[in-house]
N, C-alpha and C. Protein backbone atom coordinates (compact mmCIF):
# COMPACT_ATOMS: atom_id res chain seq x y z
N MET A 1 -3.09 -16.48 4.68
CA MET A 1 -3.10 -15.03 4.66
C MET A 1 -3.17 -14.56 6.11
N LYS A 2 -2.22 -13.71 6.47
CA LYS A 2 -2.14 -13.23 7.84
C LYS A 2 -2.95 -11.95 8.00
N LYS A 3 -3.84 -11.94 8.95
CA LYS A 3 -4.63 -10.75 9.28
C LYS A 3 -3.80 -9.90 10.24
N LEU A 4 -3.73 -8.63 9.98
CA LEU A 4 -2.94 -7.73 10.80
C LEU A 4 -3.80 -7.13 11.91
N ASP A 5 -3.20 -6.33 12.77
CA ASP A 5 -3.92 -5.70 13.87
C ASP A 5 -4.92 -4.65 13.39
N TYR A 6 -4.84 -4.28 12.14
CA TYR A 6 -5.73 -3.28 11.56
C TYR A 6 -6.80 -4.06 10.82
N ARG A 7 -8.04 -3.97 11.28
CA ARG A 7 -9.08 -4.89 10.82
C ARG A 7 -9.31 -4.90 9.32
N ASN A 8 -9.03 -3.81 8.62
CA ASN A 8 -9.29 -3.76 7.18
C ASN A 8 -8.01 -3.86 6.34
N ILE A 9 -6.90 -4.23 6.97
CA ILE A 9 -5.63 -4.33 6.26
C ILE A 9 -5.12 -5.76 6.37
N GLU A 10 -4.61 -6.28 5.26
CA GLU A 10 -4.08 -7.64 5.26
C GLU A 10 -2.86 -7.73 4.37
N ARG A 11 -2.12 -8.81 4.55
CA ARG A 11 -0.99 -9.15 3.70
C ARG A 11 -1.27 -10.53 3.12
N ASP A 12 -1.23 -10.62 1.82
CA ASP A 12 -1.41 -11.90 1.15
C ASP A 12 -0.23 -12.06 0.21
N PRO A 13 0.60 -13.07 0.41
CA PRO A 13 1.77 -13.24 -0.45
C PRO A 13 1.42 -13.34 -1.94
N ALA A 14 0.19 -13.72 -2.24
CA ALA A 14 -0.24 -13.86 -3.64
C ALA A 14 -0.79 -12.56 -4.21
N ARG A 15 -0.85 -11.51 -3.39
CA ARG A 15 -1.44 -10.25 -3.84
C ARG A 15 -0.44 -9.11 -3.61
N CYS A 16 -0.13 -8.38 -4.66
CA CYS A 16 0.71 -7.18 -4.58
C CYS A 16 2.05 -7.45 -3.91
N GLY A 17 2.63 -8.60 -4.20
CA GLY A 17 3.94 -8.91 -3.66
C GLY A 17 3.98 -9.01 -2.15
N GLY A 18 2.86 -9.25 -1.53
CA GLY A 18 2.82 -9.37 -0.08
C GLY A 18 2.77 -8.05 0.66
N GLN A 19 2.68 -6.95 -0.09
CA GLN A 19 2.57 -5.64 0.56
C GLN A 19 1.20 -5.51 1.22
N PRO A 20 1.10 -4.70 2.26
CA PRO A 20 -0.20 -4.53 2.91
C PRO A 20 -1.22 -3.88 1.98
N THR A 21 -2.41 -4.46 1.96
CA THR A 21 -3.49 -3.96 1.11
C THR A 21 -4.77 -3.87 1.94
N VAL A 22 -5.74 -3.14 1.41
CA VAL A 22 -7.06 -3.13 2.01
C VAL A 22 -7.65 -4.52 1.80
N ALA A 23 -8.20 -5.09 2.85
CA ALA A 23 -8.71 -6.46 2.81
C ALA A 23 -9.64 -6.69 1.63
N GLY A 24 -9.38 -7.77 0.90
CA GLY A 24 -10.22 -8.16 -0.22
C GLY A 24 -10.01 -7.37 -1.49
N THR A 25 -9.00 -6.50 -1.51
CA THR A 25 -8.73 -5.70 -2.71
C THR A 25 -7.25 -5.81 -3.08
N ARG A 26 -6.89 -5.18 -4.17
CA ARG A 26 -5.49 -5.05 -4.56
C ARG A 26 -5.03 -3.60 -4.34
N ILE A 27 -5.73 -2.86 -3.54
CA ILE A 27 -5.39 -1.46 -3.27
C ILE A 27 -4.39 -1.43 -2.12
N ARG A 28 -3.17 -1.02 -2.44
CA ARG A 28 -2.09 -1.02 -1.47
C ARG A 28 -2.20 0.14 -0.50
N VAL A 29 -1.76 -0.10 0.72
CA VAL A 29 -1.67 0.96 1.73
C VAL A 29 -0.79 2.08 1.19
N ALA A 30 0.31 1.74 0.53
CA ALA A 30 1.22 2.74 -0.02
C ALA A 30 0.52 3.63 -1.04
N THR A 31 -0.38 3.07 -1.82
CA THR A 31 -1.13 3.85 -2.81
C THR A 31 -2.04 4.86 -2.12
N ILE A 32 -2.71 4.42 -1.07
CA ILE A 32 -3.60 5.32 -0.33
C ILE A 32 -2.80 6.44 0.33
N LEU A 33 -1.67 6.08 0.94
CA LEU A 33 -0.83 7.10 1.58
C LEU A 33 -0.34 8.12 0.57
N THR A 34 0.10 7.67 -0.57
CA THR A 34 0.59 8.59 -1.61
C THR A 34 -0.50 9.55 -2.05
N ALA A 35 -1.68 9.03 -2.32
CA ALA A 35 -2.79 9.88 -2.75
C ALA A 35 -3.15 10.88 -1.66
N TYR A 36 -3.16 10.43 -0.42
CA TYR A 36 -3.47 11.31 0.72
C TYR A 36 -2.43 12.42 0.85
N ARG A 37 -1.17 12.05 0.69
CA ARG A 37 -0.08 13.05 0.76
C ARG A 37 -0.18 14.06 -0.39
N GLN A 38 -0.75 13.64 -1.49
CA GLN A 38 -0.90 14.54 -2.64
C GLN A 38 -2.15 15.41 -2.52
N GLY A 39 -2.85 15.28 -1.40
CA GLY A 39 -3.96 16.18 -1.14
C GLY A 39 -5.35 15.59 -1.29
N MET A 40 -5.46 14.32 -1.62
CA MET A 40 -6.79 13.73 -1.73
C MET A 40 -7.38 13.55 -0.34
N THR A 41 -8.66 13.83 -0.20
CA THR A 41 -9.35 13.62 1.06
C THR A 41 -9.85 12.18 1.14
N VAL A 42 -10.30 11.79 2.30
CA VAL A 42 -10.87 10.45 2.46
C VAL A 42 -12.04 10.28 1.50
N GLU A 43 -12.88 11.30 1.41
CA GLU A 43 -14.04 11.23 0.51
C GLU A 43 -13.61 11.07 -0.95
N GLU A 44 -12.57 11.79 -1.35
CA GLU A 44 -12.08 11.68 -2.73
C GLU A 44 -11.49 10.30 -3.00
N LEU A 45 -10.80 9.75 -2.01
CA LEU A 45 -10.25 8.40 -2.17
C LEU A 45 -11.37 7.37 -2.34
N VAL A 46 -12.44 7.52 -1.57
CA VAL A 46 -13.58 6.61 -1.69
C VAL A 46 -14.23 6.75 -3.06
N GLN A 47 -14.28 7.96 -3.58
CA GLN A 47 -14.83 8.16 -4.93
C GLN A 47 -13.90 7.56 -5.98
N GLN A 48 -12.60 7.72 -5.80
CA GLN A 48 -11.62 7.20 -6.75
C GLN A 48 -11.60 5.67 -6.77
N TYR A 49 -11.76 5.08 -5.59
CA TYR A 49 -11.75 3.62 -5.44
C TYR A 49 -13.09 3.20 -4.83
N PRO A 50 -14.09 2.96 -5.66
CA PRO A 50 -15.45 2.70 -5.17
C PRO A 50 -15.59 1.48 -4.26
N THR A 51 -14.64 0.56 -4.28
CA THR A 51 -14.73 -0.59 -3.39
C THR A 51 -14.34 -0.24 -1.95
N LEU A 52 -13.74 0.93 -1.76
CA LEU A 52 -13.33 1.34 -0.42
C LEU A 52 -14.45 2.02 0.34
N ARG A 53 -14.40 1.86 1.65
CA ARG A 53 -15.27 2.60 2.56
C ARG A 53 -14.37 3.56 3.33
N PRO A 54 -14.92 4.60 3.92
CA PRO A 54 -14.08 5.52 4.69
C PRO A 54 -13.25 4.80 5.76
N ALA A 55 -13.82 3.79 6.42
CA ALA A 55 -13.08 3.05 7.44
C ALA A 55 -11.84 2.37 6.86
N ASP A 56 -11.94 1.89 5.60
CA ASP A 56 -10.80 1.26 4.95
C ASP A 56 -9.66 2.27 4.78
N VAL A 57 -10.00 3.47 4.36
CA VAL A 57 -9.00 4.51 4.14
C VAL A 57 -8.36 4.89 5.47
N HIS A 58 -9.17 5.06 6.49
CA HIS A 58 -8.63 5.42 7.81
C HIS A 58 -7.72 4.32 8.35
N ASP A 59 -8.13 3.07 8.19
CA ASP A 59 -7.28 1.97 8.64
C ASP A 59 -5.97 1.93 7.85
N ALA A 60 -6.04 2.16 6.55
CA ALA A 60 -4.83 2.17 5.73
C ALA A 60 -3.89 3.28 6.16
N LEU A 61 -4.43 4.46 6.42
CA LEU A 61 -3.58 5.57 6.87
C LEU A 61 -3.00 5.30 8.25
N ALA A 62 -3.79 4.74 9.15
CA ALA A 62 -3.29 4.40 10.49
C ALA A 62 -2.15 3.38 10.37
N TYR A 63 -2.36 2.37 9.54
CA TYR A 63 -1.31 1.36 9.34
C TYR A 63 -0.06 2.03 8.76
N ALA A 64 -0.26 2.87 7.75
CA ALA A 64 0.88 3.51 7.10
C ALA A 64 1.70 4.33 8.09
N TYR A 65 1.05 5.13 8.90
CA TYR A 65 1.79 5.98 9.83
C TYR A 65 2.38 5.18 10.99
N ASP A 66 1.78 4.05 11.35
CA ASP A 66 2.35 3.21 12.39
C ASP A 66 3.50 2.34 11.88
N HIS A 67 3.59 2.19 10.55
CA HIS A 67 4.63 1.37 9.92
C HIS A 67 5.31 2.18 8.81
N ILE A 68 5.62 3.42 9.09
CA ILE A 68 6.08 4.34 8.04
C ILE A 68 7.38 3.87 7.37
N VAL A 69 8.30 3.27 8.11
CA VAL A 69 9.55 2.80 7.50
C VAL A 69 9.25 1.73 6.45
N GLU A 70 8.37 0.81 6.80
CA GLU A 70 7.98 -0.26 5.87
C GLU A 70 7.30 0.32 4.62
N ILE A 71 6.38 1.23 4.82
CA ILE A 71 5.64 1.80 3.68
C ILE A 71 6.55 2.65 2.81
N GLU A 72 7.45 3.41 3.44
CA GLU A 72 8.41 4.20 2.66
C GLU A 72 9.30 3.28 1.83
N ALA A 73 9.67 2.12 2.37
CA ALA A 73 10.46 1.16 1.61
C ALA A 73 9.65 0.61 0.44
N ASP A 74 8.37 0.34 0.65
CA ASP A 74 7.50 -0.11 -0.44
C ASP A 74 7.42 0.94 -1.54
N LEU A 75 7.30 2.20 -1.13
CA LEU A 75 7.23 3.29 -2.10
C LEU A 75 8.55 3.43 -2.85
N ALA A 76 9.66 3.26 -2.15
CA ALA A 76 10.97 3.35 -2.80
C ALA A 76 11.13 2.25 -3.84
N ASP A 77 10.55 1.08 -3.55
CA ASP A 77 10.61 -0.02 -4.51
C ASP A 77 9.85 0.31 -5.79
N ASP A 78 8.92 1.23 -5.69
CA ASP A 78 8.15 1.63 -6.87
C ASP A 78 8.91 2.60 -7.77
N VAL A 79 9.91 3.24 -7.22
CA VAL A 79 10.66 4.25 -7.97
C VAL A 79 11.45 3.56 -9.08
N GLU A 80 11.37 4.11 -10.25
CA GLU A 80 11.99 3.49 -11.42
C GLU A 80 13.48 3.23 -11.23
N GLU A 81 14.19 4.17 -10.64
CA GLU A 81 15.63 3.99 -10.45
C GLU A 81 15.93 2.80 -9.54
N THR A 82 15.10 2.60 -8.54
CA THR A 82 15.30 1.48 -7.63
C THR A 82 15.10 0.17 -8.36
N VAL A 83 14.06 0.11 -9.17
CA VAL A 83 13.79 -1.11 -9.93
C VAL A 83 14.93 -1.37 -10.92
N LYS A 84 15.38 -0.33 -11.61
CA LYS A 84 16.49 -0.50 -12.56
C LYS A 84 17.75 -0.97 -11.85
N ALA A 85 18.04 -0.42 -10.67
CA ALA A 85 19.23 -0.84 -9.93
C ALA A 85 19.12 -2.30 -9.53
N LYS A 86 17.95 -2.72 -9.10
CA LYS A 86 17.76 -4.12 -8.73
C LYS A 86 17.93 -5.04 -9.94
N LEU A 87 17.41 -4.61 -11.08
CA LEU A 87 17.57 -5.40 -12.30
C LEU A 87 19.04 -5.52 -12.68
N ALA A 88 19.77 -4.42 -12.59
CA ALA A 88 21.18 -4.41 -12.94
C ALA A 88 22.00 -5.31 -12.01
N ASP A 89 21.61 -5.35 -10.75
CA ASP A 89 22.32 -6.16 -9.77
C ASP A 89 21.81 -7.59 -9.70
N GLY A 90 20.75 -7.90 -10.45
CA GLY A 90 20.16 -9.23 -10.44
C GLY A 90 19.37 -9.53 -9.18
N ARG A 91 18.96 -8.50 -8.46
CA ARG A 91 18.22 -8.69 -7.20
C ARG A 91 16.72 -8.75 -7.41
N LEU A 92 16.23 -8.49 -8.60
CA LEU A 92 14.79 -8.48 -8.84
C LEU A 92 14.41 -9.81 -9.46
N SER A 93 13.56 -10.54 -8.77
CA SER A 93 13.13 -11.84 -9.30
C SER A 93 11.79 -11.70 -9.98
N ASN A 94 11.43 -12.68 -10.78
CA ASN A 94 10.17 -12.76 -11.55
C ASN A 94 10.42 -12.39 -12.96
């Protein structure tokens, strides 16, 4: 498992398809960014995900904004049409 420059963010190929997550959890950086964009505060995110600390949320947001192209691609992969297109083209494995 590779530790990233953001102390509370990691990538584990065995967790969440290798997408960046908060260390030791299955909470994706993309999930935190989406909730934040929808108006949730750091405090609300910590309440929603009790395993998170405010520092985890801040690190996730810092990572997201420093790697926005990557995170936007992760979010696009979540979109139903993208998944359906990959299935139709045979590009989705598992």
